[in-house]
Amino acid sequence: MAQPQVTVYSTQTCPFCRLEKEYLDEKKIVYTNYFVDQDSAKADEMIKKSGQMGVPVTIIEKDGKEEIVVGFDKSKLNSLLGIF
């Protein structure tokens, strides 16, 4: 099974964004981060995918499906990424 592709949309000042990225780093999950407070195109992309403006938004692509996690939801991330 292929590694999931993980994308995090965050801002530089969001404490929950920082906590989520620290958690993913700790679990050795590779991800791409976009600061939506600096990149309006990525902000628009995040809003289009998630339907809202809150951060963090995490997109997990695996097995041809895209899962969206709004907020730092550790249990949902664990489930989707197979972290135990």
PDB file of N, CA and C in Angstrom:
ATOM      1  N   MET A   1       0.846  -1.183   0.000  1.00  0.00           N
ATOM      2  CA  MET A   1       0.000   0.000   0.000  1.00  0.00           C
ATOM      3  C   MET A   1       0.891   1.246   0.000  1.00  0.00           C
ATOM      4  N   ALA A   2       0.565   2.204  -0.826  1.00  0.00           N
ATOM      5  CA  ALA A   2       1.352   3.425  -0.961  1.00  0.00           C
ATOM      6  C   ALA A   2       1.173   4.330   0.252  1.00  0.00           C
ATOM      7  N   GLN A   3       2.217   5.117   0.520  1.00  0.00           N
ATOM      8  CA  GLN A   3       2.129   6.118   1.581  1.00  0.00           C
ATOM      9  C   GLN A   3       1.062   7.131   1.210  1.00  0.00           C
ATOM     10  N   PRO A   4       0.259   7.556   2.176  1.00  0.00           N
ATOM     11  CA  PRO A   4      -0.705   8.610   1.866  1.00  0.00           C
ATOM     12  C   PRO A   4       0.009   9.934   1.618  1.00  0.00           C
ATOM     13  N   GLN A   5      -0.584  10.755   0.773  1.00  0.00           N
ATOM     14  CA  GLN A   5      -0.068  12.100   0.543  1.00  0.00           C
ATOM     15  C   GLN A   5      -0.810  13.025   1.500  1.00  0.00           C
ATOM     16  N   VAL A   6      -0.066  13.744   2.334  1.00  0.00           N
ATOM     17  CA  VAL A   6      -0.659  14.582   3.373  1.00  0.00           C
ATOM     18  C   VAL A   6      -0.330  16.042   3.085  1.00  0.00           C
ATOM     19  N   THR A   7      -1.373  16.877   3.077  1.00  0.00           N
ATOM     20  CA  THR A   7      -1.216  18.314   2.881  1.00  0.00           C
ATOM     21  C   THR A   7      -1.864  19.028   4.054  1.00  0.00           C
ATOM     22  N   VAL A   8      -1.122  19.967   4.651  1.00  0.00           N
ATOM     23  CA  VAL A   8      -1.639  20.752   5.768  1.00  0.00           C
ATOM     24  C   VAL A   8      -1.727  22.207   5.331  1.00  0.00           C
ATOM     25  N   TYR A   9      -2.904  22.787   5.495  1.00  0.00           N
ATOM     26  CA  TYR A   9      -3.108  24.219   5.274  1.00  0.00           C
ATOM     27  C   TYR A   9      -3.123  24.863   6.649  1.00  0.00           C
ATOM     28  N   SER A  10      -2.248  25.847   6.858  1.00  0.00           N
ATOM     29  CA  SER A  10      -2.107  26.434   8.183  1.00  0.00           C
ATOM     30  C   SER A  10      -1.800  27.924   8.070  1.00  0.00           C
ATOM     31  N   THR A  11      -1.684  28.564   9.232  1.00  0.00           N
ATOM     32  CA  THR A  11      -1.184  29.934   9.290  1.00  0.00           C
ATOM     33  C   THR A  11       0.005  29.949  10.241  1.00  0.00           C
ATOM     34  N   GLN A  12       0.792  30.992  10.160  1.00  0.00           N
ATOM     35  CA  GLN A  12       1.982  31.083  11.000  1.00  0.00           C
ATOM     36  C   GLN A  12       1.646  31.319  12.467  1.00  0.00           C
ATOM     37  N   THR A  13       0.477  31.892  12.744  1.00  0.00           N
ATOM     38  CA  THR A  13       0.140  32.267  14.115  1.00  0.00           C
ATOM     39  C   THR A  13      -0.812  31.301  14.807  1.00  0.00           C
ATOM     40  N   CYS A  14      -1.263  30.271  14.121  1.00  0.00           N
ATOM     41  CA  CYS A  14      -2.256  29.333  14.665  1.00  0.00           C
ATOM     42  C   CYS A  14      -1.588  28.309  15.590  1.00  0.00           C
ATOM     43  N   PRO A  15      -1.925  28.327  16.891  1.00  0.00           N
ATOM     44  CA  PRO A  15      -1.290  27.371  17.808  1.00  0.00           C
ATOM     45  C   PRO A  15      -1.671  25.919  17.519  1.00  0.00           C
ATOM     46  N   PHE A  16      -2.899  25.670  17.068  1.00  0.00           N
ATOM     47  CA  PHE A  16      -3.305  24.297  16.768  1.00  0.00           C
ATOM     48  C   PHE A  16      -2.604  23.777  15.518  1.00  0.00           C
ATOM     49  N   CYS A  17      -2.315  24.675  14.578  1.00  0.00           N
ATOM     50  CA  CYS A  17      -1.545  24.292  13.387  1.00  0.00           C
ATOM     51  C   CYS A  17      -0.152  23.828  13.810  1.00  0.00           C
ATOM     52  N   ARG A  18       0.472  24.599  14.681  1.00  0.00           N
ATOM     53  CA  ARG A  18       1.815  24.261  15.160  1.00  0.00           C
ATOM     54  C   ARG A  18       1.796  22.910  15.888  1.00  0.00           C
ATOM     55  N   LEU A  19       0.793  22.717  16.749  1.00  0.00           N
ATOM     56  CA  LEU A  19       0.685  21.450  17.478  1.00  0.00           C
ATOM     57  C   LEU A  19       0.504  20.267  16.532  1.00  0.00           C
ATOM     58  N   GLU A  20      -0.326  20.449  15.513  1.00  0.00           N
ATOM     59  CA  GLU A  20      -0.545  19.354  14.560  1.00  0.00           C
ATOM     60  C   GLU A  20       0.736  19.025  13.807  1.00  0.00           C
ATOM     61  N   LYS A  21       1.437  20.036  13.335  1.00  0.00           N
ATOM     62  CA  LYS A  21       2.665  19.785  12.577  1.00  0.00           C
ATOM     63  C   LYS A  21       3.736  19.147  13.469  1.00  0.00           C
ATOM     64  N   GLU A  22       3.814  19.566  14.741  1.00  0.00           N
ATOM     65  CA  GLU A  22       4.749  18.932  15.674  1.00  0.00           C
ATOM     66  C   GLU A  22       4.381  17.460  15.871  1.00  0.00           C
ATOM     67  N   TYR A  23       3.084  17.179  15.960  1.00  0.00           N
ATOM     68  CA  TYR A  23       2.615  15.801  16.134  1.00  0.00           C
ATOM     69  C   TYR A  23       2.968  14.953  14.908  1.00  0.00           C
ATOM     70  N   LEU A  24       2.699  15.484  13.718  1.00  0.00           N
ATOM     71  CA  LEU A  24       3.035  14.749  12.493  1.00  0.00           C
ATOM     72  C   LEU A  24       4.539  14.511  12.393  1.00  0.00           C
ATOM     73  N   ASP A  25       5.338  15.517  12.759  1.00  0.00           N
ATOM     74  CA  ASP A  25       6.798  15.356  12.756  1.00  0.00           C
ATOM     75  C   ASP A  25       7.217  14.249  13.728  1.00  0.00           C
ATOM     76  N   GLU A  26       6.633  14.280  14.924  1.00  0.00           N
ATOM     77  CA  GLU A  26       6.949  13.282  15.953  1.00  0.00           C
ATOM     78  C   GLU A  26       6.635  11.865  15.465  1.00  0.00           C
ATOM     79  N   LYS A  27       5.550  11.732  14.701  1.00  0.00           N
ATOM     80  CA  LYS A  27       5.135  10.428  14.187  1.00  0.00           C
ATOM     81  C   LYS A  27       5.793  10.098  12.846  1.00  0.00           C
ATOM     82  N   LYS A  28       6.699  10.975  12.404  1.00  0.00           N
ATOM     83  CA  LYS A  28       7.457  10.782  11.159  1.00  0.00           C
ATOM     84  C   LYS A  28       6.554  10.684   9.930  1.00  0.00           C
ATOM     85  N   ILE A  29       5.489  11.492   9.937  1.00  0.00           N
ATOM     86  CA  ILE A  29       4.583  11.577   8.795  1.00  0.00           C
ATOM     87  C   ILE A  29       5.080  12.698   7.886  1.00  0.00           C
ATOM     88  N   VAL A  30       5.337  12.372   6.632  1.00  0.00           N
ATOM     89  CA  VAL A  30       5.786  13.369   5.657  1.00  0.00           C
ATOM     90  C   VAL A  30       4.559  14.126   5.161  1.00  0.00           C
ATOM     91  N   TYR A  31       4.650  15.456   5.130  1.00  0.00           N
ATOM     92  CA  TYR A  31       3.524  16.276   4.683  1.00  0.00           C
ATOM     93  C   TYR A  31       4.036  17.524   3.987  1.00  0.00           C
ATOM     94  N   THR A  32       3.153  18.127   3.208  1.00  0.00           N
ATOM     95  CA  THR A  32       3.420  19.416   2.583  1.00  0.00           C
ATOM     96  C   THR A  32       2.601  20.446   3.333  1.00  0.00           C
ATOM     97  N   ASN A  33       3.231  21.546   3.717  1.00  0.00           N
ATOM     98  CA  ASN A  33       2.537  22.606   4.449  1.00  0.00           C
ATOM     99  C   ASN A  33       2.400  23.844   3.572  1.00  0.00           C
ATOM    100  N   TYR A  34       1.218  24.434   3.603  1.00  0.00           N
ATOM    101  CA  TYR A  34       0.990  25.712   2.930  1.00  0.00           C
ATOM    102  C   TYR A  34       0.497  26.713   3.961  1.00  0.00           C
ATOM    103  N   PHE A  35       1.157  27.877   4.019  1.00  0.00           N
ATOM    104  CA  PHE A  35       0.709  28.966   4.883  1.00  0.00           C
ATOM    105  C   PHE A  35      -0.324  29.785   4.123  1.00  0.00           C
ATOM    106  N   VAL A  36      -1.596  29.600   4.462  1.00  0.00           N
ATOM    107  CA  VAL A  36      -2.664  30.273   3.727  1.00  0.00           C
ATOM    108  C   VAL A  36      -2.743  31.763   4.048  1.00  0.00           C
ATOM    109  N   ASP A  37      -2.050  32.206   5.101  1.00  0.00           N
ATOM    110  CA  ASP A  37      -1.996  33.639   5.382  1.00  0.00           C
ATOM    111  C   ASP A  37      -0.967  34.343   4.498  1.00  0.00           C
ATOM    112  N   GLN A  38      -0.179  33.575   3.762  1.00  0.00           N
ATOM    113  CA  GLN A  38       0.814  34.146   2.845  1.00  0.00           C
ATOM    114  C   GLN A  38       0.522  33.826   1.386  1.00  0.00           C
ATOM    115  N   ASP A  39      -0.331  32.859   1.131  1.00  0.00           N
ATOM    116  CA  ASP A  39      -0.568  32.375  -0.230  1.00  0.00           C
ATOM    117  C   ASP A  39      -2.073  32.343  -0.491  1.00  0.00           C
ATOM    118  N   SER A  40      -2.580  33.381  -1.141  1.00  0.00           N
ATOM    119  CA  SER A  40      -4.032  33.492  -1.340  1.00  0.00           C
ATOM    120  C   SER A  40      -4.573  32.395  -2.256  1.00  0.00           C
ATOM    121  N   ALA A  41      -3.765  31.917  -3.198  1.00  0.00           N
ATOM    122  CA  ALA A  41      -4.224  30.833  -4.072  1.00  0.00           C
ATOM    123  C   ALA A  41      -4.440  29.557  -3.261  1.00  0.00           C
ATOM    124  N   LYS A  42      -3.531  29.272  -2.338  1.00  0.00           N
ATOM    125  CA  LYS A  42      -3.685  28.091  -1.484  1.00  0.00           C
ATOM    126  C   LYS A  42      -4.839  28.289  -0.499  1.00  0.00           C
ATOM    127  N   ALA A  43      -5.059  29.516  -0.046  1.00  0.00           N
ATOM    128  CA  ALA A  43      -6.213  29.799   0.821  1.00  0.00           C
ATOM    129  C   ALA A  43      -7.505  29.502   0.072  1.00  0.00           C
ATOM    130  N   ASP A  44      -7.590  29.948  -1.175  1.00  0.00           N
ATOM    131  CA  ASP A  44      -8.775  29.669  -1.995  1.00  0.00           C
ATOM    132  C   ASP A  44      -8.950  28.163  -2.212  1.00  0.00           C
ATOM    133  N   GLU A  45      -7.849  27.468  -2.460  1.00  0.00           N
ATOM    134  CA  GLU A  45      -7.885  26.020  -2.653  1.00  0.00           C
ATOM    135  C   GLU A  45      -8.414  25.323  -1.393  1.00  0.00           C
ATOM    136  N   MET A  46      -7.928  25.763  -0.222  1.00  0.00           N
ATOM    137  CA  MET A  46      -8.365  25.182   1.045  1.00  0.00           C
ATOM    138  C   MET A  46      -9.861  25.394   1.258  1.00  0.00           C
ATOM    139  N   ILE A  47     -10.338  26.605   0.989  1.00  0.00           N
ATOM    140  CA  ILE A  47     -11.759  26.920   1.166  1.00  0.00           C
ATOM    141  C   ILE A  47     -12.607  26.085   0.212  1.00  0.00           C
ATOM    142  N   LYS A  48     -12.142  25.947  -1.028  1.00  0.00           N
ATOM    143  CA  LYS A  48     -12.886  25.153  -2.012  1.00  0.00           C
ATOM    144  C   LYS A  48     -12.988  23.689  -1.575  1.00  0.00           C
ATOM    145  N   LYS A  49     -11.886  23.139  -1.044  1.00  0.00           N
ATOM    146  CA  LYS A  49     -11.880  21.732  -0.637  1.00  0.00           C
ATOM    147  C   LYS A  49     -12.657  21.498   0.652  1.00  0.00           C
ATOM    148  N   SER A  50     -12.514  22.414   1.628  1.00  0.00           N
ATOM    149  CA  SER A  50     -13.084  22.168   2.959  1.00  0.00           C
ATOM    150  C   SER A  50     -14.412  22.875   3.203  1.00  0.00           C
ATOM    151  N   GLY A  51     -14.712  23.893   2.380  1.00  0.00           N
ATOM    152  CA  GLY A  51     -15.958  24.627   2.557  1.00  0.00           C
ATOM    153  C   GLY A  51     -15.942  25.606   3.709  1.00  0.00           C
ATOM    154  N   GLN A  52     -14.759  25.895   4.242  1.00  0.00           N
ATOM    155  CA  GLN A  52     -14.677  26.831   5.367  1.00  0.00           C
ATOM    156  C   GLN A  52     -13.273  27.445   5.432  1.00  0.00           C
ATOM    157  N   MET A  53     -13.089  28.393   6.373  1.00  0.00           N
ATOM    158  CA  MET A  53     -11.840  29.152   6.422  1.00  0.00           C
ATOM    159  C   MET A  53     -10.966  28.845   7.634  1.00  0.00           C
ATOM    160  N   GLY A  54     -11.422  27.996   8.551  1.00  0.00           N
ATOM    161  CA  GLY A  54     -10.633  27.694   9.749  1.00  0.00           C
ATOM    162  C   GLY A  54      -9.425  26.833   9.427  1.00  0.00           C
ATOM    163  N   VAL A  55      -8.395  26.961  10.250  1.00  0.00           N
ATOM    164  CA  VAL A  55      -7.185  26.152  10.102  1.00  0.00           C
ATOM    165  C   VAL A  55      -6.888  25.452  11.426  1.00  0.00           C
ATOM    166  N   PRO A  56      -6.163  24.385  11.417  1.00  0.00           N
ATOM    167  CA  PRO A  56      -5.598  23.719  10.255  1.00  0.00           C
ATOM    168  C   PRO A  56      -6.641  22.894   9.494  1.00  0.00           C
ATOM    169  N   VAL A  57      -6.379  22.736   8.207  1.00  0.00           N
ATOM    170  CA  VAL A  57      -7.124  21.798   7.370  1.00  0.00           C
ATOM    171  C   VAL A  57      -6.083  20.825   6.823  1.00  0.00           C
ATOM    172  N   THR A  58      -6.359  19.546   6.986  1.00  0.00           N
ATOM    173  CA  THR A  58      -5.440  18.514   6.521  1.00  0.00           C
ATOM    174  C   THR A  58      -6.149  17.664   5.476  1.00  0.00           C
ATOM    175  N   ILE A  59      -5.500  17.503   4.343  1.00  0.00           N
ATOM    176  CA  ILE A  59      -6.016  16.662   3.267  1.00  0.00           C
ATOM    177  C   ILE A  59      -5.142  15.413   3.216  1.00  0.00           C
ATOM    178  N   ILE A  60      -5.773  14.257   3.310  1.00  0.00           N
ATOM    179  CA  ILE A  60      -5.054  12.989   3.245  1.00  0.00           C
ATOM    180  C   ILE A  60      -5.556  12.243   2.017  1.00  0.00           C
ATOM    181  N   GLU A  61      -4.649  12.036   1.064  1.00  0.00           N
ATOM    182  CA  GLU A  61      -4.990  11.325  -0.169  1.00  0.00           C
ATOM    183  C   GLU A  61      -4.363   9.942  -0.113  1.00  0.00           C
ATOM    184  N   LYS A  62      -5.225   8.924  -0.173  1.00  0.00           N
ATOM    185  CA  LYS A  62      -4.714   7.551  -0.232  1.00  0.00           C
ATOM    186  C   LYS A  62      -5.719   6.674  -0.947  1.00  0.00           C
ATOM    187  N   ASP A  63      -5.193   5.717  -1.657  1.00  0.00           N
ATOM    188  CA  ASP A  63      -6.020   4.765  -2.408  1.00  0.00           C
ATOM    189  C   ASP A  63      -7.031   5.472  -3.304  1.00  0.00           C
ATOM    190  N   GLY A  64      -6.624   6.601  -3.889  1.00  0.00           N
ATOM    191  CA  GLY A  64      -7.491   7.328  -4.808  1.00  0.00           C
ATOM    192  C   GLY A  64      -8.598   8.128  -4.152  1.00  0.00           C
ATOM    193  N   LYS A  65      -8.607   8.177  -2.818  1.00  0.00           N
ATOM    194  CA  LYS A  65      -9.630   8.936  -2.103  1.00  0.00           C
ATOM    195  C   LYS A  65      -8.989  10.084  -1.341  1.00  0.00           C
ATOM    196  N   GLU A  66      -9.773  11.130  -1.139  1.00  0.00           N
ATOM    197  CA  GLU A  66      -9.304  12.305  -0.418  1.00  0.00           C
ATOM    198  C   GLU A  66     -10.150  12.475   0.843  1.00  0.00           C
ATOM    199  N   GLU A  67      -9.488  12.497   1.992  1.00  0.00           N
ATOM    200  CA  GLU A  67     -10.159  12.718   3.275  1.00  0.00           C
ATOM    201  C   GLU A  67      -9.752  14.087   3.792  1.00  0.00           C
ATOM    202  N   ILE A  68     -10.710  14.815   4.354  1.00  0.00           N
ATOM    203  CA  ILE A  68     -10.454  16.158   4.864  1.00  0.00           C
ATOM    204  C   ILE A  68     -10.649  16.156   6.370  1.00  0.00           C
ATOM    205  N   VAL A  69      -9.648  16.677   7.087  1.00  0.00           N
ATOM    206  CA  VAL A  69      -9.730  16.814   8.538  1.00  0.00           C
ATOM    207  C   VAL A  69      -9.654  18.304   8.848  1.00  0.00           C
ATOM    208  N   VAL A  70     -10.713  18.834   9.467  1.00  0.00           N
ATOM    209  CA  VAL A  70     -10.742  20.245   9.853  1.00  0.00           C
ATOM    210  C   VAL A  70     -10.390  20.330  11.331  1.00  0.00           C
ATOM    211  N   GLY A  71      -9.401  21.165  11.645  1.00  0.00           N
ATOM    212  CA  GLY A  71      -8.933  21.277  13.026  1.00  0.00           C
ATOM    213  C   GLY A  71      -7.907  20.195  13.322  1.00  0.00           C
ATOM    214  N   PHE A  72      -7.290  20.295  14.493  1.00  0.00           N
ATOM    215  CA  PHE A  72      -6.311  19.297  14.913  1.00  0.00           C
ATOM    216  C   PHE A  72      -7.063  18.194  15.648  1.00  0.00           C
ATOM    217  N   ASP A  73      -7.515  17.205  14.880  1.00  0.00           N
ATOM    218  CA  ASP A  73      -8.295  16.080  15.397  1.00  0.00           C
ATOM    219  C   ASP A  73      -7.374  14.858  15.418  1.00  0.00           C
ATOM    220  N   LYS A  74      -6.678  14.692  16.535  1.00  0.00           N
ATOM    221  CA  LYS A  74      -5.656  13.650  16.639  1.00  0.00           C
ATOM    222  C   LYS A  74      -6.223  12.253  16.380  1.00  0.00           C
ATOM    223  N   SER A  75      -7.396  11.953  16.918  1.00  0.00           N
ATOM    224  CA  SER A  75      -7.946  10.604  16.739  1.00  0.00           C
ATOM    225  C   SER A  75      -8.301  10.337  15.278  1.00  0.00           C
ATOM    226  N   LYS A  76      -8.823  11.346  14.586  1.00  0.00           N
ATOM    227  CA  LYS A  76      -9.152  11.165  13.166  1.00  0.00           C
ATOM    228  C   LYS A  76      -7.875  11.024  12.336  1.00  0.00           C
ATOM    229  N   LEU A  77      -6.860  11.843  12.639  1.00  0.00           N
ATOM    230  CA  LEU A  77      -5.578  11.722  11.942  1.00  0.00           C
ATOM    231  C   LEU A  77      -4.986  10.332  12.170  1.00  0.00           C
ATOM    232  N   ASN A  78      -5.007   9.871  13.423  1.00  0.00           N
ATOM    233  CA  ASN A  78      -4.470   8.547  13.745  1.00  0.00           C
ATOM    234  C   ASN A  78      -5.167   7.467  12.933  1.00  0.00           C
ATOM    235  N   SER A  79      -6.486   7.547  12.870  1.00  0.00           N
ATOM    236  CA  SER A  79      -7.268   6.551  12.147  1.00  0.00           C
ATOM    237  C   SER A  79      -6.942   6.561  10.655  1.00  0.00           C
ATOM    238  N   LEU A  80      -6.920   7.749  10.066  1.00  0.00           N
ATOM    239  CA  LEU A  80      -6.682   7.859   8.625  1.00  0.00           C
ATOM    240  C   LEU A  80      -5.248   7.513   8.231  1.00  0.00           C
ATOM    241  N   LEU A  81      -4.295   7.783   9.136  1.00  0.00           N
ATOM    242  CA  LEU A  81      -2.887   7.561   8.818  1.00  0.00           C
ATOM    243  C   LEU A  81      -2.351   6.249   9.390  1.00  0.00           C
ATOM    244  N   GLY A  82      -3.196   5.510  10.105  1.00  0.00           N
ATOM    245  CA  GLY A  82      -2.752   4.242  10.674  1.00  0.00           C
ATOM    246  C   GLY A  82      -1.762   4.407  11.806  1.00  0.00           C
ATOM    247  N   ILE A  83      -1.915   5.470  12.597  1.00  0.00           N
ATOM    248  CA  ILE A  83      -1.035   5.721  13.739  1.00  0.00           C
ATOM    249  C   ILE A  83      -1.686   5.118  14.981  1.00  0.00           C
ATOM    250  N   PHE A  84      -0.902   4.323  15.719  1.00  0.00           N
ATOM    251  CA  PHE A  84      -1.448   3.702  16.937  1.00  0.00           C
ATOM    252  C   PHE A  84      -0.597   4.025  18.135  1.00  0.00           C
TER     253      PHE A  84
END
